[in-house]
Each structure stands twice: as C-alpha cells, then as structure tokens.
Amino acid sequence: MTFTQGRVVVAELRRAGWLEWLEDWARSGRQGCMDPKQSEAFAEFLARQPRSASSKGLV
C-alpha cells in the first residue's frame, strides 16, 4: 500500500519478508562494488549493528 501527497510518495507499507529481502539485496549490492578487504570489513561492521525492526519481525 502506498500513501501519496500530491504527486509525492510519503509512505509505503510492505510485508516484513519483503523488507528482509530488500535489506539483503542492498547489502549484497554495496559489497559487490567493494574490493575484497573492504567488503569483509563492511560485513563485520554490519554484523555488529543491531537488527532492524523488520528483521526482528516487529513490522
């Protein structure tokens, strides 16, 4: 479901599973543009971050 104001999207409701897929896809895309050492450091950084609300099943 999408909410618009005028011609601008202001909010979009998505299923939690779709959001998890999007987060994984975005992470893979960013790491694909990095050299191996930078990609490894980024993966370690992400592992230390608190999980998002969608990953916890709260959304």
Protein backbone atom coordinates (compact mmCIF):
# COMPACT_ATOMS: atom_id res chain seq x y z
CA MET A 1 0.00 0.00 0.00
CA THR A 2 1.36 3.40 -0.94
CA PHE A 3 0.39 6.77 0.53
CA THR A 4 0.91 9.87 -1.57
CA GLN A 5 0.56 13.57 -1.01
CA GLY A 6 0.15 15.38 -4.28
CA ARG A 7 2.47 13.50 -6.63
CA VAL A 8 4.98 12.52 -3.92
CA VAL A 9 5.13 9.12 -2.17
CA VAL A 10 5.21 9.82 1.57
CA ALA A 11 4.86 6.28 2.97
CA GLU A 12 4.80 2.73 1.71
CA LEU A 13 3.65 -0.33 3.66
CA ARG A 14 5.40 -3.62 2.86
CA ARG A 15 5.44 -7.14 4.32
CA ALA A 16 8.34 -7.91 6.70
CA GLY A 17 9.61 -10.68 4.40
CA TRP A 18 9.88 -8.23 1.52
CA LEU A 19 11.83 -5.78 3.69
CA GLU A 20 14.28 -8.51 4.75
CA TRP A 21 14.84 -9.38 1.08
CA LEU A 22 15.41 -5.70 0.26
CA GLU A 23 17.95 -5.29 3.08
CA ASP A 24 19.85 -8.40 1.93
CA TRP A 25 19.75 -7.28 -1.70
CA ALA A 26 21.02 -3.79 -0.78
CA ARG A 27 23.84 -5.25 1.33
CA SER A 28 24.91 -7.57 -1.49
CA GLY A 29 24.81 -4.73 -4.00
CA ARG A 30 27.01 -2.48 -1.87
CA GLN A 31 29.52 -5.25 -1.19
CA GLY A 32 29.68 -6.17 -4.88
CA CYS A 33 31.22 -2.76 -5.64
CA MET A 34 33.96 -3.10 -2.99
CA ASP A 35 37.34 -4.74 -3.09
CA PRO A 36 37.51 -7.99 -1.04
CA LYS A 37 39.19 -6.42 2.00
CA GLN A 38 36.70 -3.56 2.14
CA SER A 39 33.79 -5.99 1.64
CA GLU A 40 34.99 -8.12 4.56
CA ALA A 41 35.29 -5.07 6.82
CA PHE A 42 31.79 -3.95 5.81
CA ALA A 43 30.36 -7.41 6.59
CA GLU A 44 31.99 -7.28 10.05
CA PHE A 45 30.55 -3.79 10.58
CA LEU A 46 27.04 -4.97 9.65
CA ALA A 47 27.35 -7.97 11.98
CA ARG A 48 27.92 -5.58 14.91
CA GLN A 49 24.82 -3.46 14.13
CA PRO A 50 21.53 -4.01 15.97
CA ARG A 51 18.95 -5.80 13.85
CA SER A 52 16.24 -3.69 12.23
CA ALA A 53 12.60 -3.84 13.32
CA SER A 54 11.66 -5.72 10.14
CA SER A 55 14.32 -8.38 10.76
CA LYS A 56 13.01 -8.88 14.30
CA GLY A 57 9.51 -9.46 12.99
CA LEU A 58 8.19 -6.28 14.59
CA VAL A 59 6.93 -4.80 11.34
